[in-house]
Amino acid sequence: MQSQKERAEKDIIMLSKLLEYFMNSGLDKKYPDAFEWAKNYYADAGHYYKKKDYFSSFGCANYGYGILDCVLINEKIKEKVLKELGL
């Protein structure tokens, strides 16, 4: 079983990969609000992680990931992208 710290790290990395994918694919321009919200949750996740509040860090990373996940579902590319990114 993963510790809270390990789980937060894993989810922050996942969100980071998705944010990078969005920037490289142009989805950040097509869905600017969703991208901005996810970026803000990413920043919050990092903030809480530094404070060793891994539970809140994990939650923020998951919210951000969920927002981007919805876009991938809407675009009908979720499985392809997750496989491509190794997620």
PDB file of N, CA and C in Angstrom:
ATOM      1  N   MET A   1       0.837  -1.182   0.000  1.00  0.00           N
ATOM      2  CA  MET A   1       0.000   0.000   0.000  1.00  0.00           C
ATOM      3  C   MET A   1       0.885   1.250   0.000  1.00  0.00           C
ATOM      4  N   GLN A   2       0.505   2.225  -0.815  1.00  0.00           N
ATOM      5  CA  GLN A   2       1.275   3.458  -0.901  1.00  0.00           C
ATOM      6  C   GLN A   2       0.982   4.371   0.285  1.00  0.00           C
ATOM      7  N   SER A   3       2.005   5.092   0.696  1.00  0.00           N
ATOM      8  CA  SER A   3       1.805   6.105   1.727  1.00  0.00           C
ATOM      9  C   SER A   3       1.105   7.307   1.091  1.00  0.00           C
ATOM     10  N   GLN A   4       0.595   8.190   1.932  1.00  0.00           N
ATOM     11  CA  GLN A   4      -0.039   9.413   1.408  1.00  0.00           C
ATOM     12  C   GLN A   4       0.957  10.217   0.582  1.00  0.00           C
ATOM     13  N   LYS A   5       2.192  10.272   1.037  1.00  0.00           N
ATOM     14  CA  LYS A   5       3.229  11.021   0.315  1.00  0.00           C
ATOM     15  C   LYS A   5       3.461  10.415  -1.066  1.00  0.00           C
ATOM     16  N   GLU A   6       3.591   9.092  -1.134  1.00  0.00           N
ATOM     17  CA  GLU A   6       3.821   8.422  -2.413  1.00  0.00           C
ATOM     18  C   GLU A   6       2.645   8.626  -3.363  1.00  0.00           C
ATOM     19  N   ARG A   7       1.444   8.546  -2.830  1.00  0.00           N
ATOM     20  CA  ARG A   7       0.247   8.725  -3.659  1.00  0.00           C
ATOM     21  C   ARG A   7       0.164  10.155  -4.183  1.00  0.00           C
ATOM     22  N   ALA A   8       0.476  11.131  -3.331  1.00  0.00           N
ATOM     23  CA  ALA A   8       0.461  12.526  -3.766  1.00  0.00           C
ATOM     24  C   ALA A   8       1.503  12.738  -4.867  1.00  0.00           C
ATOM     25  N   GLU A   9       2.699  12.198  -4.677  1.00  0.00           N
ATOM     26  CA  GLU A   9       3.753  12.332  -5.686  1.00  0.00           C
ATOM     27  C   GLU A   9       3.305  11.753  -7.023  1.00  0.00           C
ATOM     28  N   LYS A  10       2.730  10.566  -6.981  1.00  0.00           N
ATOM     29  CA  LYS A  10       2.276   9.889  -8.190  1.00  0.00           C
ATOM     30  C   LYS A  10       1.236  10.725  -8.928  1.00  0.00           C
ATOM     31  N   ASP A  11       0.281  11.268  -8.192  1.00  0.00           N
ATOM     32  CA  ASP A  11      -0.792  12.027  -8.832  1.00  0.00           C
ATOM     33  C   ASP A  11      -0.324  13.390  -9.330  1.00  0.00           C
ATOM     34  N   ILE A  12       0.617  13.992  -8.652  1.00  0.00           N
ATOM     35  CA  ILE A  12       1.193  15.258  -9.127  1.00  0.00           C
ATOM     36  C   ILE A  12       1.926  15.013 -10.444  1.00  0.00           C
ATOM     37  N   ILE A  13       2.657  13.922 -10.531  1.00  0.00           N
ATOM     38  CA  ILE A  13       3.371  13.583 -11.762  1.00  0.00           C
ATOM     39  C   ILE A  13       2.378  13.324 -12.893  1.00  0.00           C
ATOM     40  N   MET A  14       1.309  12.585 -12.611  1.00  0.00           N
ATOM     41  CA  MET A  14       0.291  12.309 -13.627  1.00  0.00           C
ATOM     42  C   MET A  14      -0.314  13.614 -14.151  1.00  0.00           C
ATOM     43  N   LEU A  15      -0.655  14.507 -13.243  1.00  0.00           N
ATOM     44  CA  LEU A  15      -1.252  15.779 -13.648  1.00  0.00           C
ATOM     45  C   LEU A  15      -0.254  16.598 -14.462  1.00  0.00           C
ATOM     46  N   SER A  16       0.991  16.583 -14.058  1.00  0.00           N
ATOM     47  CA  SER A  16       2.031  17.306 -14.791  1.00  0.00           C
ATOM     48  C   SER A  16       2.145  16.808 -16.225  1.00  0.00           C
ATOM     49  N   LYS A  17       2.112  15.494 -16.405  1.00  0.00           N
ATOM     50  CA  LYS A  17       2.190  14.914 -17.748  1.00  0.00           C
ATOM     51  C   LYS A  17       0.989  15.326 -18.601  1.00  0.00           C
ATOM     52  N   LEU A  18      -0.174  15.333 -17.985  1.00  0.00           N
ATOM     53  CA  LEU A  18      -1.369  15.734 -18.742  1.00  0.00           C
ATOM     54  C   LEU A  18      -1.336  17.211 -19.110  1.00  0.00           C
ATOM     55  N   LEU A  19      -0.891  18.046 -18.190  1.00  0.00           N
ATOM     56  CA  LEU A  19      -0.784  19.475 -18.492  1.00  0.00           C
ATOM     57  C   LEU A  19       0.181  19.700 -19.659  1.00  0.00           C
ATOM     58  N   GLU A  20       1.293  18.992 -19.642  1.00  0.00           N
ATOM     59  CA  GLU A  20       2.261  19.108 -20.730  1.00  0.00           C
ATOM     60  C   GLU A  20       1.649  18.642 -22.052  1.00  0.00           C
ATOM     61  N   TYR A  21       0.921  17.531 -22.003  1.00  0.00           N
ATOM     62  CA  TYR A  21       0.255  17.036 -23.210  1.00  0.00           C
ATOM     63  C   TYR A  21      -0.704  18.096 -23.754  1.00  0.00           C
ATOM     64  N   PHE A  22      -1.477  18.708 -22.881  1.00  0.00           N
ATOM     65  CA  PHE A  22      -2.442  19.721 -23.313  1.00  0.00           C
ATOM     66  C   PHE A  22      -1.735  20.881 -24.000  1.00  0.00           C
ATOM     67  N   MET A  23      -0.612  21.313 -23.443  1.00  0.00           N
ATOM     68  CA  MET A  23       0.133  22.425 -24.048  1.00  0.00           C
ATOM     69  C   MET A  23       0.704  22.026 -25.410  1.00  0.00           C
ATOM     70  N   ASN A  24       1.202  20.812 -25.529  1.00  0.00           N
ATOM     71  CA  ASN A  24       1.814  20.358 -26.782  1.00  0.00           C
ATOM     72  C   ASN A  24       0.796  20.026 -27.860  1.00  0.00           C
ATOM     73  N   SER A  25      -0.420  19.731 -27.466  1.00  0.00           N
ATOM     74  CA  SER A  25      -1.441  19.319 -28.429  1.00  0.00           C
ATOM     75  C   SER A  25      -2.403  20.444 -28.819  1.00  0.00           C
ATOM     76  N   GLY A  26      -2.324  21.567 -28.129  1.00  0.00           N
ATOM     77  CA  GLY A  26      -3.238  22.670 -28.414  1.00  0.00           C
ATOM     78  C   GLY A  26      -4.554  22.608 -27.660  1.00  0.00           C
ATOM     79  N   LEU A  27      -4.737  21.556 -26.856  1.00  0.00           N
ATOM     80  CA  LEU A  27      -5.977  21.466 -26.081  1.00  0.00           C
ATOM     81  C   LEU A  27      -6.064  22.577 -25.029  1.00  0.00           C
ATOM     82  N   ASP A  28      -4.917  23.116 -24.630  1.00  0.00           N
ATOM     83  CA  ASP A  28      -4.936  24.234 -23.677  1.00  0.00           C
ATOM     84  C   ASP A  28      -5.605  25.464 -24.280  1.00  0.00           C
ATOM     85  N   LYS A  29      -5.499  25.622 -25.587  1.00  0.00           N
ATOM     86  CA  LYS A  29      -6.134  26.756 -26.278  1.00  0.00           C
ATOM     87  C   LYS A  29      -7.612  26.470 -26.571  1.00  0.00           C
ATOM     88  N   LYS A  30      -7.902  25.210 -26.839  1.00  0.00           N
ATOM     89  CA  LYS A  30      -9.285  24.832 -27.151  1.00  0.00           C
ATOM     90  C   LYS A  30     -10.159  24.837 -25.903  1.00  0.00           C
ATOM     91  N   TYR A  31      -9.562  24.513 -24.759  1.00  0.00           N
ATOM     92  CA  TYR A  31     -10.284  24.458 -23.484  1.00  0.00           C
ATOM     93  C   TYR A  31      -9.537  25.305 -22.441  1.00  0.00           C
ATOM     94  N   PRO A  32      -9.464  26.616 -22.666  1.00  0.00           N
ATOM     95  CA  PRO A  32      -8.638  27.450 -21.780  1.00  0.00           C
ATOM     96  C   PRO A  32      -9.099  27.475 -20.320  1.00  0.00           C
ATOM     97  N   ASP A  33     -10.388  27.465 -20.082  1.00  0.00           N
ATOM     98  CA  ASP A  33     -10.870  27.497 -18.698  1.00  0.00           C
ATOM     99  C   ASP A  33     -10.502  26.211 -17.961  1.00  0.00           C
ATOM    100  N   ALA A  34     -10.768  25.088 -18.589  1.00  0.00           N
ATOM    101  CA  ALA A  34     -10.443  23.803 -17.964  1.00  0.00           C
ATOM    102  C   ALA A  34      -8.940  23.702 -17.714  1.00  0.00           C
ATOM    103  N   PHE A  35      -8.152  24.140 -18.687  1.00  0.00           N
ATOM    104  CA  PHE A  35      -6.698  24.091 -18.536  1.00  0.00           C
ATOM    105  C   PHE A  35      -6.243  24.973 -17.377  1.00  0.00           C
ATOM    106  N   GLU A  36      -6.793  26.151 -17.282  1.00  0.00           N
ATOM    107  CA  GLU A  36      -6.418  27.079 -16.200  1.00  0.00           C
ATOM    108  C   GLU A  36      -6.796  26.510 -14.831  1.00  0.00           C
ATOM    109  N   TRP A  37      -7.973  25.942 -14.726  1.00  0.00           N
ATOM    110  CA  TRP A  37      -8.397  25.337 -13.452  1.00  0.00           C
ATOM    111  C   TRP A  37      -7.444  24.212 -13.063  1.00  0.00           C
ATOM    112  N   ALA A  38      -7.108  23.361 -14.037  1.00  0.00           N
ATOM    113  CA  ALA A  38      -6.201  22.246 -13.751  1.00  0.00           C
ATOM    114  C   ALA A  38      -4.816  22.758 -13.338  1.00  0.00           C
ATOM    115  N   LYS A  39      -4.340  23.804 -14.007  1.00  0.00           N
ATOM    116  CA  LYS A  39      -3.046  24.398 -13.628  1.00  0.00           C
ATOM    117  C   LYS A  39      -3.090  24.924 -12.198  1.00  0.00           C
ATOM    118  N   ASN A  40      -4.189  25.542 -11.828  1.00  0.00           N
ATOM    119  CA  ASN A  40      -4.327  26.070 -10.465  1.00  0.00           C
ATOM    120  C   ASN A  40      -4.342  24.934  -9.446  1.00  0.00           C
ATOM    121  N   TYR A  41      -5.035  23.857  -9.750  1.00  0.00           N
ATOM    122  CA  TYR A  41      -5.032  22.704  -8.847  1.00  0.00           C
ATOM    123  C   TYR A  41      -3.637  22.091  -8.753  1.00  0.00           C
ATOM    124  N   TYR A  42      -2.901  22.095  -9.856  1.00  0.00           N
ATOM    125  CA  TYR A  42      -1.522  21.598  -9.853  1.00  0.00           C
ATOM    126  C   TYR A  42      -0.660  22.443  -8.910  1.00  0.00           C
ATOM    127  N   ALA A  43      -0.809  23.757  -9.003  1.00  0.00           N
ATOM    128  CA  ALA A  43      -0.063  24.651  -8.114  1.00  0.00           C
ATOM    129  C   ALA A  43      -0.459  24.415  -6.654  1.00  0.00           C
ATOM    130  N   ASP A  44      -1.739  24.244  -6.412  1.00  0.00           N
ATOM    131  CA  ASP A  44      -2.208  23.965  -5.049  1.00  0.00           C
ATOM    132  C   ASP A  44      -1.647  22.646  -4.534  1.00  0.00           C
ATOM    133  N   ALA A  45      -1.619  21.635  -5.402  1.00  0.00           N
ATOM    134  CA  ALA A  45      -1.079  20.329  -5.005  1.00  0.00           C
ATOM    135  C   ALA A  45       0.377  20.465  -4.584  1.00  0.00           C
ATOM    136  N   GLY A  46       1.145  21.235  -5.336  1.00  0.00           N
ATOM    137  CA  GLY A  46       2.546  21.473  -4.983  1.00  0.00           C
ATOM    138  C   GLY A  46       2.688  22.237  -3.678  1.00  0.00           C
ATOM    139  N   HIS A  47       1.822  23.201  -3.478  1.00  0.00           N
ATOM    140  CA  HIS A  47       1.840  23.990  -2.239  1.00  0.00           C
ATOM    141  C   HIS A  47       1.614  23.098  -1.022  1.00  0.00           C
ATOM    142  N   TYR A  48       0.580  22.284  -1.082  1.00  0.00           N
ATOM    143  CA  TYR A  48       0.274  21.406   0.052  1.00  0.00           C
ATOM    144  C   TYR A  48       1.346  20.332   0.243  1.00  0.00           C
ATOM    145  N   TYR A  49       1.913  19.880  -0.863  1.00  0.00           N
ATOM    146  CA  TYR A  49       2.969  18.868  -0.767  1.00  0.00           C
ATOM    147  C   TYR A  49       4.170  19.428   0.007  1.00  0.00           C
ATOM    148  N   LYS A  50       4.545  20.654  -0.318  1.00  0.00           N
ATOM    149  CA  LYS A  50       5.669  21.290   0.381  1.00  0.00           C
ATOM    150  C   LYS A  50       5.388  21.464   1.868  1.00  0.00           C
ATOM    151  N   LYS A  51       4.117  21.643   2.218  1.00  0.00           N
ATOM    152  CA  LYS A  51       3.732  21.788   3.628  1.00  0.00           C
ATOM    153  C   LYS A  51       3.554  20.423   4.308  1.00  0.00           C
ATOM    154  N   LYS A  52       3.807  19.354   3.558  1.00  0.00           N
ATOM    155  CA  LYS A  52       3.666  17.974   4.041  1.00  0.00           C
ATOM    156  C   LYS A  52       2.218  17.597   4.357  1.00  0.00           C
ATOM    157  N   ASP A  53       1.301  18.320   3.736  1.00  0.00           N
ATOM    158  CA  ASP A  53      -0.115  17.985   3.828  1.00  0.00           C
ATOM    159  C   ASP A  53      -0.431  17.148   2.594  1.00  0.00           C
ATOM    160  N   TYR A  54      -0.033  15.892   2.650  1.00  0.00           N
ATOM    161  CA  TYR A  54      -0.124  15.015   1.490  1.00  0.00           C
ATOM    162  C   TYR A  54      -1.564  14.673   1.116  1.00  0.00           C
ATOM    163  N   PHE A  55      -2.426  14.630   2.105  1.00  0.00           N
ATOM    164  CA  PHE A  55      -3.837  14.346   1.843  1.00  0.00           C
ATOM    165  C   PHE A  55      -4.439  15.444   0.958  1.00  0.00           C
ATOM    166  N   SER A  56      -4.218  16.711   1.324  1.00  0.00           N
ATOM    167  CA  SER A  56      -4.743  17.830   0.520  1.00  0.00           C
ATOM    168  C   SER A  56      -4.050  17.894  -0.834  1.00  0.00           C
ATOM    169  N   SER A  57      -2.752  17.608  -0.873  1.00  0.00           N
ATOM    170  CA  SER A  57      -2.004  17.602  -2.120  1.00  0.00           C
ATOM    171  C   SER A  57      -2.591  16.587  -3.084  1.00  0.00           C
ATOM    172  N   PHE A  58      -2.841  15.390  -2.596  1.00  0.00           N
ATOM    173  CA  PHE A  58      -3.447  14.328  -3.390  1.00  0.00           C
ATOM    174  C   PHE A  58      -4.816  14.765  -3.920  1.00  0.00           C
ATOM    175  N   GLY A  59      -5.616  15.368  -3.063  1.00  0.00           N
ATOM    176  CA  GLY A  59      -6.950  15.824  -3.463  1.00  0.00           C
ATOM    177  C   GLY A  59      -6.895  16.859  -4.564  1.00  0.00           C
ATOM    178  N   CYS A  60      -6.004  17.828  -4.436  1.00  0.00           N
ATOM    179  CA  CYS A  60      -5.878  18.866  -5.461  1.00  0.00           C
ATOM    180  C   CYS A  60      -5.424  18.272  -6.796  1.00  0.00           C
ATOM    181  N   ALA A  61      -4.440  17.388  -6.740  1.00  0.00           N
ATOM    182  CA  ALA A  61      -3.959  16.758  -7.974  1.00  0.00           C
ATOM    183  C   ALA A  61      -5.083  15.969  -8.635  1.00  0.00           C
ATOM    184  N   ASN A  62      -5.896  15.295  -7.844  1.00  0.00           N
ATOM    185  CA  ASN A  62      -6.999  14.517  -8.392  1.00  0.00           C
ATOM    186  C   ASN A  62      -8.066  15.407  -9.020  1.00  0.00           C
ATOM    187  N   TYR A  63      -8.364  16.537  -8.401  1.00  0.00           N
ATOM    188  CA  TYR A  63      -9.340  17.450  -8.994  1.00  0.00           C
ATOM    189  C   TYR A  63      -8.839  17.933 -10.355  1.00  0.00           C
ATOM    190  N   GLY A  64      -7.583  18.357 -10.415  1.00  0.00           N
ATOM    191  CA  GLY A  64      -7.008  18.825 -11.672  1.00  0.00           C
ATOM    192  C   GLY A  64      -7.020  17.750 -12.730  1.00  0.00           C
ATOM    193  N   TYR A  65      -6.634  16.542 -12.343  1.00  0.00           N
ATOM    194  CA  TYR A  65      -6.628  15.404 -13.263  1.00  0.00           C
ATOM    195  C   TYR A  65      -8.049  15.132 -13.772  1.00  0.00           C
ATOM    196  N   GLY A  66      -9.007  15.190 -12.885  1.00  0.00           N
ATOM    197  CA  GLY A  66     -10.397  14.934 -13.270  1.00  0.00           C
ATOM    198  C   GLY A  66     -10.913  15.920 -14.298  1.00  0.00           C
ATOM    199  N   ILE A  67     -10.538  17.164 -14.160  1.00  0.00           N
ATOM    200  CA  ILE A  67     -10.954  18.188 -15.127  1.00  0.00           C
ATOM    201  C   ILE A  67     -10.402  17.859 -16.510  1.00  0.00           C
ATOM    202  N   LEU A  68      -9.114  17.537 -16.566  1.00  0.00           N
ATOM    203  CA  LEU A  68      -8.499  17.227 -17.853  1.00  0.00           C
ATOM    204  C   LEU A  68      -9.019  15.907 -18.412  1.00  0.00           C
ATOM    205  N   ASP A  69      -9.309  14.975 -17.534  1.00  0.00           N
ATOM    206  CA  ASP A  69      -9.868  13.691 -17.940  1.00  0.00           C
ATOM    207  C   ASP A  69     -11.197  13.893 -18.675  1.00  0.00           C
ATOM    208  N   CYS A  70     -12.008  14.800 -18.185  1.00  0.00           N
ATOM    209  CA  CYS A  70     -13.297  15.094 -18.842  1.00  0.00           C
ATOM    210  C   CYS A  70     -13.081  15.615 -20.261  1.00  0.00           C
ATOM    211  N   VAL A  71     -12.087  16.446 -20.439  1.00  0.00           N
ATOM    212  CA  VAL A  71     -11.787  16.955 -21.781  1.00  0.00           C
ATOM    213  C   VAL A  71     -11.374  15.806 -22.701  1.00  0.00           C
ATOM    214  N   LEU A  72     -10.523  14.928 -22.199  1.00  0.00           N
ATOM    215  CA  LEU A  72     -10.088  13.788 -23.008  1.00  0.00           C
ATOM    216  C   LEU A  72     -11.267  12.902 -23.395  1.00  0.00           C
ATOM    217  N   ILE A  73     -12.193  12.719 -22.464  1.00  0.00           N
ATOM    218  CA  ILE A  73     -13.396  11.931 -22.757  1.00  0.00           C
ATOM    219  C   ILE A  73     -14.222  12.640 -23.825  1.00  0.00           C
ATOM    220  N   ASN A  74     -14.397  13.945 -23.671  1.00  0.00           N
ATOM    221  CA  ASN A  74     -15.168  14.733 -24.636  1.00  0.00           C
ATOM    222  C   ASN A  74     -14.552  14.664 -26.036  1.00  0.00           C
ATOM    223  N   GLU A  75     -13.235  14.665 -26.079  1.00  0.00           N
ATOM    224  CA  GLU A  75     -12.519  14.602 -27.361  1.00  0.00           C
ATOM    225  C   GLU A  75     -12.421  13.173 -27.906  1.00  0.00           C
ATOM    226  N   LYS A  76     -12.859  12.211 -27.102  1.00  0.00           N
ATOM    227  CA  LYS A  76     -12.814  10.789 -27.466  1.00  0.00           C
ATOM    228  C   LYS A  76     -11.386  10.295 -27.715  1.00  0.00           C
ATOM    229  N   ILE A  77     -10.458  10.778 -26.870  1.00  0.00           N
ATOM    230  CA  ILE A  77      -9.051  10.383 -27.014  1.00  0.00           C
ATOM    231  C   ILE A  77      -8.450   9.916 -25.687  1.00  0.00           C
ATOM    232  N   LYS A  78      -9.277   9.693 -24.701  1.00  0.00           N
ATOM    233  CA  LYS A  78      -8.770   9.364 -23.375  1.00  0.00           C
ATOM    234  C   LYS A  78      -7.842   8.154 -23.382  1.00  0.00           C
ATOM    235  N   GLU A  79      -8.309   7.032 -23.897  1.00  0.00           N
ATOM    236  CA  GLU A  79      -7.510   5.800 -23.857  1.00  0.00           C
ATOM    237  C   GLU A  79      -6.194   5.970 -24.599  1.00  0.00           C
ATOM    238  N   LYS A  80      -6.253   6.605 -25.752  1.00  0.00           N
ATOM    239  CA  LYS A  80      -5.057   6.818 -26.576  1.00  0.00           C
ATOM    240  C   LYS A  80      -4.025   7.664 -25.835  1.00  0.00           C
ATOM    241  N   VAL A  81      -4.477   8.748 -25.238  1.00  0.00           N
ATOM    242  CA  VAL A  81      -3.569   9.670 -24.554  1.00  0.00           C
ATOM    243  C   VAL A  81      -2.986   9.014 -23.303  1.00  0.00           C
ATOM    244  N   LEU A  82      -3.816   8.374 -22.508  1.00  0.00           N
ATOM    245  CA  LEU A  82      -3.321   7.750 -21.296  1.00  0.00           C
ATOM    246  C   LEU A  82      -2.288   6.664 -21.621  1.00  0.00           C
ATOM    247  N   LYS A  83      -2.549   5.915 -22.669  1.00  0.00           N
ATOM    248  CA  LYS A  83      -1.595   4.883 -23.085  1.00  0.00           C
ATOM    249  C   LYS A  83      -0.293   5.532 -23.562  1.00  0.00           C
ATOM    250  N   GLU A  84      -0.415   6.573 -24.355  1.00  0.00           N
ATOM    251  CA  GLU A  84       0.750   7.301 -24.880  1.00  0.00           C
ATOM    252  C   GLU A  84       1.618   7.854 -23.760  1.00  0.00           C
ATOM    253  N   LEU A  85       0.966   8.353 -22.705  1.00  0.00           N
ATOM    254  CA  LEU A  85       1.696   8.954 -21.576  1.00  0.00           C
ATOM    255  C   LEU A  85       2.102   7.932 -20.515  1.00  0.00           C
ATOM    256  N   GLY A  86       1.689   6.711 -20.690  1.00  0.00           N
ATOM    257  CA  GLY A  86       2.017   5.677 -19.723  1.00  0.00           C
ATOM    258  C   GLY A  86       1.241   5.817 -18.435  1.00  0.00           C
ATOM    259  N   LEU A  87       0.037   6.341 -18.532  1.00  0.00           N
ATOM    260  CA  LEU A  87      -0.801   6.528 -17.348  1.00  0.00           C
ATOM    261  C   LEU A  87      -1.887   5.478 -17.340  1.00  0.00           C
TER     262      LEU A  87
END
